[in-house]
Amino acid sequence: MKAFIIIVVVVAVLVGGILTLRSSRNSGMPGQDVLDRAKQRGREQAAKDERESDR
């Protein structure tokens, strides 16, 4: 009986953790506009570095 209770508690904790991860997986991601601006800055910096290395 004690083992059954332990198994139920462990399964409940695992399911709760999985649901928490699933619901918060995108919470730290910036918006698409922020990602687009970062890509643009990266391209501009790469072009600037390329121009400076050609000198």
N, C-alpha and C. Protein backbone atom coordinates (compact mmCIF):
# COMPACT_ATOMS: atom_id res chain seq x y z
N MET A 1 0.82 -1.20 0.00
CA MET A 1 0.00 0.00 0.00
C MET A 1 0.86 1.26 0.00
N LYS A 2 1.93 1.23 0.77
CA LYS A 2 2.83 2.38 0.85
C LYS A 2 3.51 2.64 -0.50
N ALA A 3 3.89 1.56 -1.19
CA ALA A 3 4.55 1.69 -2.50
C ALA A 3 3.59 2.30 -3.52
N PHE A 4 2.32 1.93 -3.45
CA PHE A 4 1.32 2.47 -4.37
C PHE A 4 1.19 3.99 -4.18
N ILE A 5 1.16 4.43 -2.95
CA ILE A 5 1.05 5.87 -2.66
C ILE A 5 2.29 6.61 -3.18
N ILE A 6 3.46 6.04 -2.98
CA ILE A 6 4.70 6.67 -3.46
C ILE A 6 4.68 6.77 -4.98
N ILE A 7 4.25 5.71 -5.66
CA ILE A 7 4.18 5.72 -7.12
C ILE A 7 3.21 6.79 -7.60
N VAL A 8 2.05 6.91 -6.97
CA VAL A 8 1.06 7.91 -7.35
C VAL A 8 1.63 9.32 -7.17
N VAL A 9 2.34 9.56 -6.06
CA VAL A 9 2.93 10.87 -5.81
C VAL A 9 3.99 11.19 -6.86
N VAL A 10 4.84 10.24 -7.18
CA VAL A 10 5.90 10.45 -8.18
C VAL A 10 5.29 10.75 -9.55
N VAL A 11 4.28 10.01 -9.94
CA VAL A 11 3.62 10.24 -11.23
C VAL A 11 2.97 11.62 -11.25
N ALA A 12 2.34 12.02 -10.15
CA ALA A 12 1.70 13.33 -10.08
C ALA A 12 2.74 14.44 -10.22
N VAL A 13 3.89 14.30 -9.57
CA VAL A 13 4.95 15.30 -9.66
C VAL A 13 5.49 15.37 -11.09
N LEU A 14 5.71 14.24 -11.73
CA LEU A 14 6.20 14.22 -13.10
C LEU A 14 5.21 14.87 -14.06
N VAL A 15 3.95 14.53 -13.94
CA VAL A 15 2.94 15.11 -14.82
C VAL A 15 2.83 16.62 -14.59
N GLY A 16 2.88 17.04 -13.35
CA GLY A 16 2.84 18.46 -13.04
C GLY A 16 4.02 19.20 -13.63
N GLY A 17 5.20 18.63 -13.52
CA GLY A 17 6.39 19.24 -14.10
C GLY A 17 6.33 19.33 -15.60
N ILE A 18 5.85 18.29 -16.24
CA ILE A 18 5.73 18.29 -17.70
C ILE A 18 4.73 19.35 -18.15
N LEU A 19 3.60 19.46 -17.45
CA LEU A 19 2.60 20.47 -17.82
C LEU A 19 3.15 21.88 -17.61
N THR A 20 3.92 22.09 -16.57
CA THR A 20 4.52 23.40 -16.32
C THR A 20 5.50 23.75 -17.44
N LEU A 21 6.35 22.81 -17.82
CA LEU A 21 7.30 23.06 -18.91
C LEU A 21 6.58 23.33 -20.22
N ARG A 22 5.52 22.58 -20.45
CA ARG A 22 4.77 22.74 -21.71
C ARG A 22 4.11 24.11 -21.79
N SER A 23 3.58 24.59 -20.69
CA SER A 23 2.88 25.87 -20.72
C SER A 23 3.83 27.06 -20.70
N SER A 24 5.06 26.85 -20.27
CA SER A 24 5.99 27.98 -20.16
C SER A 24 7.14 27.90 -21.16
N ARG A 25 7.03 27.08 -22.16
CA ARG A 25 8.16 26.87 -23.08
C ARG A 25 8.49 28.11 -23.90
N ASN A 26 7.51 28.97 -24.18
CA ASN A 26 7.76 30.15 -25.00
C ASN A 26 7.78 31.44 -24.19
N SER A 27 7.70 31.34 -22.90
CA SER A 27 7.58 32.55 -22.09
C SER A 27 8.85 33.40 -22.15
N GLY A 28 10.00 32.80 -22.38
CA GLY A 28 11.23 33.56 -22.44
C GLY A 28 11.61 34.03 -23.83
N MET A 29 10.83 33.67 -24.81
CA MET A 29 11.17 34.03 -26.19
C MET A 29 10.72 35.45 -26.50
N PRO A 30 11.61 36.24 -27.13
CA PRO A 30 11.19 37.58 -27.54
C PRO A 30 10.24 37.49 -28.74
N GLY A 31 9.59 38.59 -29.04
CA GLY A 31 8.66 38.63 -30.16
C GLY A 31 9.38 38.54 -31.49
N GLN A 32 8.62 38.28 -32.54
CA GLN A 32 9.20 38.13 -33.88
C GLN A 32 9.87 39.41 -34.34
N ASP A 33 9.31 40.57 -33.99
CA ASP A 33 9.93 41.84 -34.41
C ASP A 33 11.30 42.02 -33.77
N VAL A 34 11.46 41.58 -32.54
CA VAL A 34 12.76 41.67 -31.87
C VAL A 34 13.77 40.75 -32.55
N LEU A 35 13.33 39.56 -32.91
CA LEU A 35 14.22 38.62 -33.61
C LEU A 35 14.62 39.16 -34.98
N ASP A 36 13.68 39.77 -35.69
CA ASP A 36 13.99 40.34 -37.00
C ASP A 36 14.99 41.48 -36.88
N ARG A 37 14.82 42.34 -35.87
CA ARG A 37 15.77 43.44 -35.68
C ARG A 37 17.16 42.90 -35.34
N ALA A 38 17.23 41.86 -34.54
CA ALA A 38 18.52 41.27 -34.19
C ALA A 38 19.20 40.69 -35.42
N LYS A 39 18.44 40.03 -36.29
CA LYS A 39 19.02 39.49 -37.53
C LYS A 39 19.56 40.62 -38.40
N GLN A 40 18.77 41.70 -38.51
CA GLN A 40 19.20 42.84 -39.32
C GLN A 40 20.49 43.44 -38.75
N ARG A 41 20.55 43.63 -37.44
CA ARG A 41 21.78 44.17 -36.83
C ARG A 41 22.95 43.24 -37.07
N GLY A 42 22.71 41.95 -37.01
CA GLY A 42 23.78 40.99 -37.29
C GLY A 42 24.30 41.10 -38.71
N ARG A 43 23.38 41.24 -39.66
CA ARG A 43 23.80 41.40 -41.06
C ARG A 43 24.57 42.70 -41.25
N GLU A 44 24.08 43.78 -40.63
CA GLU A 44 24.78 45.07 -40.76
C GLU A 44 26.17 45.01 -40.14
N GLN A 45 26.29 44.35 -38.99
CA GLN A 45 27.60 44.24 -38.34
C GLN A 45 28.55 43.38 -39.18
N ALA A 46 28.03 42.31 -39.77
CA ALA A 46 28.87 41.46 -40.61
C ALA A 46 29.36 42.24 -41.83
N ALA A 47 28.48 43.04 -42.43
CA ALA A 47 28.88 43.84 -43.60
C ALA A 47 29.93 44.88 -43.19
N LYS A 48 29.75 45.51 -42.04
CA LYS A 48 30.72 46.49 -41.55
C LYS A 48 32.07 45.82 -41.30
N ASP A 49 32.05 44.66 -40.67
CA ASP A 49 33.30 43.94 -40.40
C ASP A 49 33.98 43.55 -41.70
N GLU A 50 33.20 43.16 -42.70
CA GLU A 50 33.75 42.77 -44.00
C GLU A 50 34.41 43.98 -44.67
N ARG A 51 33.75 45.13 -44.62
CA ARG A 51 34.32 46.35 -45.21
C ARG A 51 35.62 46.74 -44.49
N GLU A 52 35.64 46.63 -43.18
CA GLU A 52 36.84 46.99 -42.43
C GLU A 52 37.99 46.02 -42.68
N SER A 53 37.69 44.75 -42.91
CA SER A 53 38.76 43.78 -43.16
C SER A 53 39.33 43.92 -44.57
N ASP A 54 38.58 44.55 -45.48
CA ASP A 54 39.07 44.76 -46.84
C ASP A 54 40.07 45.90 -46.93
N ARG A 55 40.14 46.75 -45.96
CA ARG A 55 41.03 47.90 -45.98
C ARG A 55 42.47 47.51 -45.83
